Amino acid sequence: MVDAGIHDNAILVVDRALKAQHQDIVVAVVDGEFTIKRLYKNAGRVKLKAANPTFCDIVPKEGQTLEIWGVVTAAINQYRK
């Protein structure tokens, strides 16, 4: 999610009580695997858009499970380990 300002080893604040809206950054579970992507909703269709060119967007296919686990509300980037 580097293009969204979230770098490796960032600490995320995730609110599970919020209902995810179009263009929110979300923590999603796709077929049991966690991912962080930007949520796109349009005309009843859903896409999870990567904000890093090395990762692909996810367009759920029939039979895949998708759960929006929470909405990212803040990120703390670490610059020194």
PDB file of N, CA and C in Angstrom:
ATOM      1  N   MET A   1       0.825  -1.203   0.000  1.00  0.00           N
ATOM      2  CA  MET A   1       0.000   0.000   0.000  1.00  0.00           C
ATOM      3  C   MET A   1       0.863   1.259   0.000  1.00  0.00           C
ATOM      4  N   VAL A   2       2.053   1.156  -0.574  1.00  0.00           N
ATOM      5  CA  VAL A   2       2.973   2.291  -0.554  1.00  0.00           C
ATOM      6  C   VAL A   2       2.386   3.520  -1.250  1.00  0.00           C
ATOM      7  N   ASP A   3       1.603   3.329  -2.295  1.00  0.00           N
ATOM      8  CA  ASP A   3       1.004   4.468  -2.983  1.00  0.00           C
ATOM      9  C   ASP A   3      -0.094   5.131  -2.148  1.00  0.00           C
ATOM     10  N   ALA A   4      -0.525   4.483  -1.073  1.00  0.00           N
ATOM     11  CA  ALA A   4      -1.499   5.057  -0.147  1.00  0.00           C
ATOM     12  C   ALA A   4      -0.808   5.586   1.112  1.00  0.00           C
ATOM     13  N   GLY A   5       0.530   5.519   1.135  1.00  0.00           N
ATOM     14  CA  GLY A   5       1.282   6.026   2.282  1.00  0.00           C
ATOM     15  C   GLY A   5       1.459   5.028   3.403  1.00  0.00           C
ATOM     16  N   ILE A   6       1.148   3.758   3.155  1.00  0.00           N
ATOM     17  CA  ILE A   6       1.322   2.709   4.156  1.00  0.00           C
ATOM     18  C   ILE A   6       2.519   1.864   3.741  1.00  0.00           C
ATOM     19  N   HIS A   7       3.569   1.885   4.550  1.00  0.00           N
ATOM     20  CA  HIS A   7       4.817   1.206   4.207  1.00  0.00           C
ATOM     21  C   HIS A   7       4.953  -0.117   4.957  1.00  0.00           C
ATOM     22  N   ASP A   8       5.940  -0.930   4.547  1.00  0.00           N
ATOM     23  CA  ASP A   8       6.227  -2.179   5.249  1.00  0.00           C
ATOM     24  C   ASP A   8       6.444  -1.888   6.730  1.00  0.00           C
ATOM     25  N   ASN A   9       5.974  -2.772   7.555  1.00  0.00           N
ATOM     26  CA  ASN A   9       6.100  -2.693   9.018  1.00  0.00           C
ATOM     27  C   ASN A   9       5.287  -1.566   9.645  1.00  0.00           C
ATOM     28  N   ALA A  10       4.352  -0.982   8.909  1.00  0.00           N
ATOM     29  CA  ALA A  10       3.484   0.051   9.483  1.00  0.00           C
ATOM     30  C   ALA A  10       2.565  -0.596  10.512  1.00  0.00           C
ATOM     31  N   ILE A  11       2.194   0.198  11.484  1.00  0.00           N
ATOM     32  CA  ILE A  11       1.198  -0.219  12.472  1.00  0.00           C
ATOM     33  C   ILE A  11      -0.115   0.425  12.061  1.00  0.00           C
ATOM     34  N   LEU A  12      -1.137  -0.402  11.897  1.00  0.00           N
ATOM     35  CA  LEU A  12      -2.433   0.096  11.437  1.00  0.00           C
ATOM     36  C   LEU A  12      -3.436   0.143  12.571  1.00  0.00           C
ATOM     37  N   VAL A  13      -4.267   1.166  12.546  1.00  0.00           N
ATOM     38  CA  VAL A  13      -5.420   1.249  13.433  1.00  0.00           C
ATOM     39  C   VAL A  13      -6.619   0.848  12.586  1.00  0.00           C
ATOM     40  N   VAL A  14      -7.318  -0.205  13.024  1.00  0.00           N
ATOM     41  CA  VAL A  14      -8.427  -0.753  12.248  1.00  0.00           C
ATOM     42  C   VAL A  14      -9.693  -0.707  13.103  1.00  0.00           C
ATOM     43  N   ASP A  15     -10.743  -0.124  12.573  1.00  0.00           N
ATOM     44  CA  ASP A  15     -12.027  -0.041  13.269  1.00  0.00           C
ATOM     45  C   ASP A  15     -12.964  -1.074  12.668  1.00  0.00           C
ATOM     46  N   ARG A  16     -13.268  -2.092  13.442  1.00  0.00           N
ATOM     47  CA  ARG A  16     -14.148  -3.160  12.961  1.00  0.00           C
ATOM     48  C   ARG A  16     -15.622  -2.777  13.064  1.00  0.00           C
ATOM     49  N   ALA A  17     -15.931  -1.691  13.758  1.00  0.00           N
ATOM     50  CA  ALA A  17     -17.324  -1.280  13.917  1.00  0.00           C
ATOM     51  C   ALA A  17     -17.818  -0.437  12.735  1.00  0.00           C
ATOM     52  N   LEU A  18     -16.899   0.119  11.956  1.00  0.00           N
ATOM     53  CA  LEU A  18     -17.306   0.944  10.817  1.00  0.00           C
ATOM     54  C   LEU A  18     -17.769   0.080   9.652  1.00  0.00           C
ATOM     55  N   LYS A  19     -18.769   0.567   8.951  1.00  0.00           N
ATOM     56  CA  LYS A  19     -19.200  -0.093   7.721  1.00  0.00           C
ATOM     57  C   LYS A  19     -18.334   0.451   6.588  1.00  0.00           C
ATOM     58  N   ALA A  20     -17.680  -0.432   5.872  1.00  0.00           N
ATOM     59  CA  ALA A  20     -16.771  -0.024   4.805  1.00  0.00           C
ATOM     60  C   ALA A  20     -17.534   0.682   3.688  1.00  0.00           C
ATOM     61  N   GLN A  21     -16.948   1.783   3.216  1.00  0.00           N
ATOM     62  CA  GLN A  21     -17.533   2.559   2.133  1.00  0.00           C
ATOM     63  C   GLN A  21     -16.570   2.592   0.948  1.00  0.00           C
ATOM     64  N   HIS A  22     -17.109   2.972  -0.189  1.00  0.00           N
ATOM     65  CA  HIS A  22     -16.329   3.113  -1.420  1.00  0.00           C
ATOM     66  C   HIS A  22     -15.080   3.953  -1.147  1.00  0.00           C
ATOM     67  N   GLN A  23     -13.934   3.470  -1.543  1.00  0.00           N
ATOM     68  CA  GLN A  23     -12.615   4.073  -1.451  1.00  0.00           C
ATOM     69  C   GLN A  23     -11.977   4.011  -0.064  1.00  0.00           C
ATOM     70  N   ASP A  24     -12.609   3.356   0.900  1.00  0.00           N
ATOM     71  CA  ASP A  24     -11.948   3.113   2.186  1.00  0.00           C
ATOM     72  C   ASP A  24     -10.798   2.132   1.981  1.00  0.00           C
ATOM     73  N   ILE A  25      -9.772   2.259   2.802  1.00  0.00           N
ATOM     74  CA  ILE A  25      -8.739   1.231   2.871  1.00  0.00           C
ATOM     75  C   ILE A  25      -9.233   0.230   3.898  1.00  0.00           C
ATOM     76  N   VAL A  26      -9.273  -1.042   3.498  1.00  0.00           N
ATOM     77  CA  VAL A  26      -9.859  -2.060   4.350  1.00  0.00           C
ATOM     78  C   VAL A  26      -8.900  -3.229   4.573  1.00  0.00           C
ATOM     79  N   VAL A  27      -9.131  -3.919   5.674  1.00  0.00           N
ATOM     80  CA  VAL A  27      -8.526  -5.224   5.886  1.00  0.00           C
ATOM     81  C   VAL A  27      -9.603  -6.211   5.453  1.00  0.00           C
ATOM     82  N   ALA A  28      -9.273  -7.034   4.478  1.00  0.00           N
ATOM     83  CA  ALA A  28     -10.237  -7.989   3.933  1.00  0.00           C
ATOM     84  C   ALA A  28      -9.681  -9.396   4.068  1.00  0.00           C
ATOM     85  N   VAL A  29     -10.583 -10.358   4.114  1.00  0.00           N
ATOM     86  CA  VAL A  29     -10.207 -11.767   4.121  1.00  0.00           C
ATOM     87  C   VAL A  29     -10.780 -12.380   2.851  1.00  0.00           C
ATOM     88  N   VAL A  30      -9.882 -12.832   1.976  1.00  0.00           N
ATOM     89  CA  VAL A  30     -10.283 -13.449   0.705  1.00  0.00           C
ATOM     90  C   VAL A  30      -9.843 -14.901   0.753  1.00  0.00           C
ATOM     91  N   ASP A  31     -10.822 -15.796   0.735  1.00  0.00           N
ATOM     92  CA  ASP A  31     -10.552 -17.237   0.815  1.00  0.00           C
ATOM     93  C   ASP A  31      -9.628 -17.573   1.989  1.00  0.00           C
ATOM     94  N   GLY A  32      -9.871 -16.924   3.134  1.00  0.00           N
ATOM     95  CA  GLY A  32      -9.116 -17.222   4.353  1.00  0.00           C
ATOM     96  C   GLY A  32      -7.789 -16.498   4.479  1.00  0.00           C
ATOM     97  N   GLU A  33      -7.418 -15.677   3.500  1.00  0.00           N
ATOM     98  CA  GLU A  33      -6.142 -14.952   3.518  1.00  0.00           C
ATOM     99  C   GLU A  33      -6.410 -13.453   3.727  1.00  0.00           C
ATOM    100  N   PHE A  34      -5.692 -12.847   4.682  1.00  0.00           N
ATOM    101  CA  PHE A  34      -5.840 -11.419   4.944  1.00  0.00           C
ATOM    102  C   PHE A  34      -5.109 -10.604   3.885  1.00  0.00           C
ATOM    103  N   THR A  35      -5.687  -9.450   3.543  1.00  0.00           N
ATOM    104  CA  THR A  35      -5.058  -8.505   2.628  1.00  0.00           C
ATOM    105  C   THR A  35      -5.519  -7.101   2.995  1.00  0.00           C
ATOM    106  N   ILE A  36      -4.729  -6.119   2.616  1.00  0.00           N
ATOM    107  CA  ILE A  36      -5.098  -4.719   2.817  1.00  0.00           C
ATOM    108  C   ILE A  36      -5.171  -4.080   1.442  1.00  0.00           C
ATOM    109  N   LYS A  37      -6.335  -3.537   1.121  1.00  0.00           N
ATOM    110  CA  LYS A  37      -6.562  -2.960  -0.201  1.00  0.00           C
ATOM    111  C   LYS A  37      -7.557  -1.805  -0.071  1.00  0.00           C
ATOM    112  N   ARG A  38      -7.671  -1.026  -1.140  1.00  0.00           N
ATOM    113  CA  ARG A  38      -8.691   0.023  -1.202  1.00  0.00           C
ATOM    114  C   ARG A  38      -9.962  -0.600  -1.789  1.00  0.00           C
ATOM    115  N   LEU A  39     -11.089  -0.345  -1.153  1.00  0.00           N
ATOM    116  CA  LEU A  39     -12.369  -0.924  -1.553  1.00  0.00           C
ATOM    117  C   LEU A  39     -13.024  -0.062  -2.623  1.00  0.00           C
ATOM    118  N   TYR A  40     -13.410  -0.694  -3.713  1.00  0.00           N
ATOM    119  CA  TYR A  40     -14.175  -0.024  -4.763  1.00  0.00           C
ATOM    120  C   TYR A  40     -15.504  -0.739  -4.909  1.00  0.00           C
ATOM    121  N   LYS A  41     -16.587   0.036  -4.809  1.00  0.00           N
ATOM    122  CA  LYS A  41     -17.943  -0.492  -4.987  1.00  0.00           C
ATOM    123  C   LYS A  41     -18.602   0.332  -6.074  1.00  0.00           C
ATOM    124  N   ASN A  42     -19.161  -0.359  -7.076  1.00  0.00           N
ATOM    125  CA  ASN A  42     -19.817   0.345  -8.166  1.00  0.00           C
ATOM    126  C   ASN A  42     -20.883  -0.558  -8.758  1.00  0.00           C
ATOM    127  N   ALA A  43     -22.105  -0.098  -8.739  1.00  0.00           N
ATOM    128  CA  ALA A  43     -23.238  -0.813  -9.338  1.00  0.00           C
ATOM    129  C   ALA A  43     -23.330  -2.248  -8.824  1.00  0.00           C
ATOM    130  N   GLY A  44     -23.129  -2.431  -7.518  1.00  0.00           N
ATOM    131  CA  GLY A  44     -23.243  -3.761  -6.928  1.00  0.00           C
ATOM    132  C   GLY A  44     -22.018  -4.636  -7.099  1.00  0.00           C
ATOM    133  N   ARG A  45     -20.998  -4.141  -7.770  1.00  0.00           N
ATOM    134  CA  ARG A  45     -19.760  -4.905  -7.967  1.00  0.00           C
ATOM    135  C   ARG A  45     -18.704  -4.414  -6.988  1.00  0.00           C
ATOM    136  N   VAL A  46     -17.832  -5.320  -6.583  1.00  0.00           N
ATOM    137  CA  VAL A  46     -16.797  -5.014  -5.607  1.00  0.00           C
ATOM    138  C   VAL A  46     -15.433  -5.354  -6.194  1.00  0.00           C
ATOM    139  N   LYS A  47     -14.467  -4.474  -5.928  1.00  0.00           N
ATOM    140  CA  LYS A  47     -13.084  -4.731  -6.315  1.00  0.00           C
ATOM    141  C   LYS A  47     -12.197  -4.260  -5.172  1.00  0.00           C
ATOM    142  N   LEU A  48     -11.152  -5.019  -4.896  1.00  0.00           N
ATOM    143  CA  LEU A  48     -10.142  -4.614  -3.928  1.00  0.00           C
ATOM    144  C   LEU A  48      -8.930  -4.162  -4.721  1.00  0.00           C
ATOM    145  N   LYS A  49      -8.630  -2.868  -4.656  1.00  0.00           N
ATOM    146  CA  LYS A  49      -7.583  -2.273  -5.494  1.00  0.00           C
ATOM    147  C   LYS A  49      -6.283  -2.147  -4.708  1.00  0.00           C
ATOM    148  N   ALA A  50      -5.220  -2.668  -5.293  1.00  0.00           N
ATOM    149  CA  ALA A  50      -3.892  -2.577  -4.693  1.00  0.00           C
ATOM    150  C   ALA A  50      -3.358  -1.158  -4.857  1.00  0.00           C
ATOM    151  N   ALA A  51      -2.624  -0.682  -3.852  1.00  0.00           N
ATOM    152  CA  ALA A  51      -1.966   0.626  -3.938  1.00  0.00           C
ATOM    153  C   ALA A  51      -0.457   0.415  -3.963  1.00  0.00           C
ATOM    154  N   ASN A  52      -0.070  -0.659  -4.602  1.00  0.00           N
ATOM    155  CA  ASN A  52       1.334  -1.011  -4.778  1.00  0.00           C
ATOM    156  C   ASN A  52       1.421  -1.721  -6.127  1.00  0.00           C
ATOM    157  N   PRO A  53       2.244  -1.230  -7.038  1.00  0.00           N
ATOM    158  CA  PRO A  53       2.267  -1.811  -8.389  1.00  0.00           C
ATOM    159  C   PRO A  53       2.755  -3.260  -8.449  1.00  0.00           C
ATOM    160  N   THR A  54       3.343  -3.776  -7.384  1.00  0.00           N
ATOM    161  CA  THR A  54       3.810  -5.161  -7.408  1.00  0.00           C
ATOM    162  C   THR A  54       2.713  -6.158  -7.023  1.00  0.00           C
ATOM    163  N   PHE A  55       1.542  -5.651  -6.632  1.00  0.00           N
ATOM    164  CA  PHE A  55       0.421  -6.522  -6.269  1.00  0.00           C
ATOM    165  C   PHE A  55      -0.750  -6.291  -7.210  1.00  0.00           C
ATOM    166  N   CYS A  56      -1.521  -7.339  -7.419  1.00  0.00           N
ATOM    167  CA  CYS A  56      -2.683  -7.271  -8.320  1.00  0.00           C
ATOM    168  C   CYS A  56      -3.933  -6.852  -7.568  1.00  0.00           C
ATOM    169  N   ASP A  57      -4.850  -6.239  -8.306  1.00  0.00           N
ATOM    170  CA  ASP A  57      -6.189  -5.981  -7.772  1.00  0.00           C
ATOM    171  C   ASP A  57      -6.892  -7.320  -7.599  1.00  0.00           C
ATOM    172  N   ILE A  58      -7.884  -7.338  -6.727  1.00  0.00           N
ATOM    173  CA  ILE A  58      -8.668  -8.555  -6.512  1.00  0.00           C
ATOM    174  C   ILE A  58     -10.109  -8.265  -6.894  1.00  0.00           C
ATOM    175  N   VAL A  59     -10.600  -8.996  -7.863  1.00  0.00           N
ATOM    176  CA  VAL A  59     -12.008  -8.946  -8.245  1.00  0.00           C
ATOM    177  C   VAL A  59     -12.565 -10.321  -7.888  1.00  0.00           C
ATOM    178  N   PRO A  60     -13.352 -10.389  -6.802  1.00  0.00           N
ATOM    179  CA  PRO A  60     -13.844 -11.696  -6.369  1.00  0.00           C
ATOM    180  C   PRO A  60     -14.623 -12.409  -7.468  1.00  0.00           C
ATOM    181  N   LYS A  61     -14.303 -13.676  -7.618  1.00  0.00           N
ATOM    182  CA  LYS A  61     -14.986 -14.514  -8.605  1.00  0.00           C
ATOM    183  C   LYS A  61     -16.064 -15.333  -7.904  1.00  0.00           C
ATOM    184  N   GLU A  62     -16.968 -15.856  -8.680  1.00  0.00           N
ATOM    185  CA  GLU A  62     -18.018 -16.699  -8.115  1.00  0.00           C
ATOM    186  C   GLU A  62     -17.382 -17.855  -7.371  1.00  0.00           C
ATOM    187  N   GLY A  63     -17.855 -18.085  -6.142  1.00  0.00           N
ATOM    188  CA  GLY A  63     -17.330 -19.168  -5.322  1.00  0.00           C
ATOM    189  C   GLY A  63     -16.254 -18.718  -4.346  1.00  0.00           C
ATOM    190  N   GLN A  64     -15.670 -17.536  -4.562  1.00  0.00           N
ATOM    191  CA  GLN A  64     -14.681 -17.023  -3.621  1.00  0.00           C
ATOM    192  C   GLN A  64     -15.393 -16.405  -2.428  1.00  0.00           C
ATOM    193  N   THR A  65     -14.747 -16.488  -1.271  1.00  0.00           N
ATOM    194  CA  THR A  65     -15.305 -15.838  -0.092  1.00  0.00           C
ATOM    195  C   THR A  65     -14.563 -14.529   0.135  1.00  0.00           C
ATOM    196  N   LEU A  66     -15.308 -13.494   0.451  1.00  0.00           N
ATOM    197  CA  LEU A  66     -14.756 -12.175   0.733  1.00  0.00           C
ATOM    198  C   LEU A  66     -15.446 -11.621   1.966  1.00  0.00           C
ATOM    199  N   GLU A  67     -14.653 -11.256   2.962  1.00  0.00           N
ATOM    200  CA  GLU A  67     -15.175 -10.624   4.170  1.00  0.00           C
ATOM    201  C   GLU A  67     -14.386  -9.353   4.401  1.00  0.00           C
ATOM    202  N   ILE A  68     -15.088  -8.245   4.598  1.00  0.00           N
ATOM    203  CA  ILE A  68     -14.421  -7.008   4.989  1.00  0.00           C
ATOM    204  C   ILE A  68     -14.282  -7.076   6.510  1.00  0.00           C
ATOM    205  N   TRP A  69     -13.056  -7.223   6.976  1.00  0.00           N
ATOM    206  CA  TRP A  69     -12.765  -7.460   8.388  1.00  0.00           C
ATOM    207  C   TRP A  69     -12.775  -6.161   9.180  1.00  0.00           C
ATOM    208  N   GLY A  70     -12.349  -5.056   8.555  1.00  0.00           N
ATOM    209  CA  GLY A  70     -12.326  -3.768   9.241  1.00  0.00           C
ATOM    210  C   GLY A  70     -11.865  -2.662   8.310  1.00  0.00           C
ATOM    211  N   VAL A  71     -12.012  -1.428   8.777  1.00  0.00           N
ATOM    212  CA  VAL A  71     -11.637  -0.247   8.013  1.00  0.00           C
ATOM    213  C   VAL A  71     -10.396   0.369   8.657  1.00  0.00           C
ATOM    214  N   VAL A  72      -9.379   0.615   7.846  1.00  0.00           N
ATOM    215  CA  VAL A  72      -8.158   1.245   8.341  1.00  0.00           C
ATOM    216  C   VAL A  72      -8.444   2.727   8.551  1.00  0.00           C
ATOM    217  N   THR A  73      -8.197   3.204   9.786  1.00  0.00           N
ATOM    218  CA  THR A  73      -8.456   4.608  10.104  1.00  0.00           C
ATOM    219  C   THR A  73      -7.170   5.402  10.300  1.00  0.00           C
ATOM    220  N   ALA A  74      -6.040   4.715  10.505  1.00  0.00           N
ATOM    221  CA  ALA A  74      -4.760   5.408  10.677  1.00  0.00           C
ATOM    222  C   ALA A  74      -3.625   4.426  10.443  1.00  0.00           C
ATOM    223  N   ALA A  75      -2.465   4.980  10.078  1.00  0.00           N
ATOM    224  CA  ALA A  75      -1.266   4.164   9.902  1.00  0.00           C
ATOM    225  C   ALA A  75      -0.088   4.896  10.530  1.00  0.00           C
ATOM    226  N   ILE A  76       0.739   4.148  11.232  1.00  0.00           N
ATOM    227  CA  ILE A  76       1.964   4.685  11.810  1.00  0.00           C
ATOM    228  C   ILE A  76       3.109   3.973  11.118  1.00  0.00           C
ATOM    229  N   ASN A  77       3.888   4.728  10.353  1.00  0.00           N
ATOM    230  CA  ASN A  77       5.014   4.133   9.625  1.00  0.00           C
ATOM    231  C   ASN A  77       6.264   4.152  10.488  1.00  0.00           C
ATOM    232  N   GLN A  78       7.002   3.066  10.435  1.00  0.00           N
ATOM    233  CA  GLN A  78       8.259   2.965  11.168  1.00  0.00           C
ATOM    234  C   GLN A  78       9.400   3.281  10.199  1.00  0.00           C
ATOM    235  N   TYR A  79      10.307   4.129  10.630  1.00  0.00           N
ATOM    236  CA  TYR A  79      11.429   4.506   9.776  1.00  0.00           C
ATOM    237  C   TYR A  79      12.755   3.935  10.243  1.00  0.00           C
ATOM    238  N   ARG A  80      12.775   3.408  11.449  1.00  0.00           N
ATOM    239  CA  ARG A  80      13.982   2.766  11.953  1.00  0.00           C
ATOM    240  C   ARG A  80      13.568   1.590  12.786  1.00  0.00           C
ATOM    241  N   LYS A  81      14.232   0.476  12.544  1.00  0.00           N
ATOM    242  CA  LYS A  81      13.884  -0.742  13.282  1.00  0.00           C
ATOM    243  C   LYS A  81      14.792  -0.897  14.472  1.00  0.00           C
TER     244      LYS A  81
END
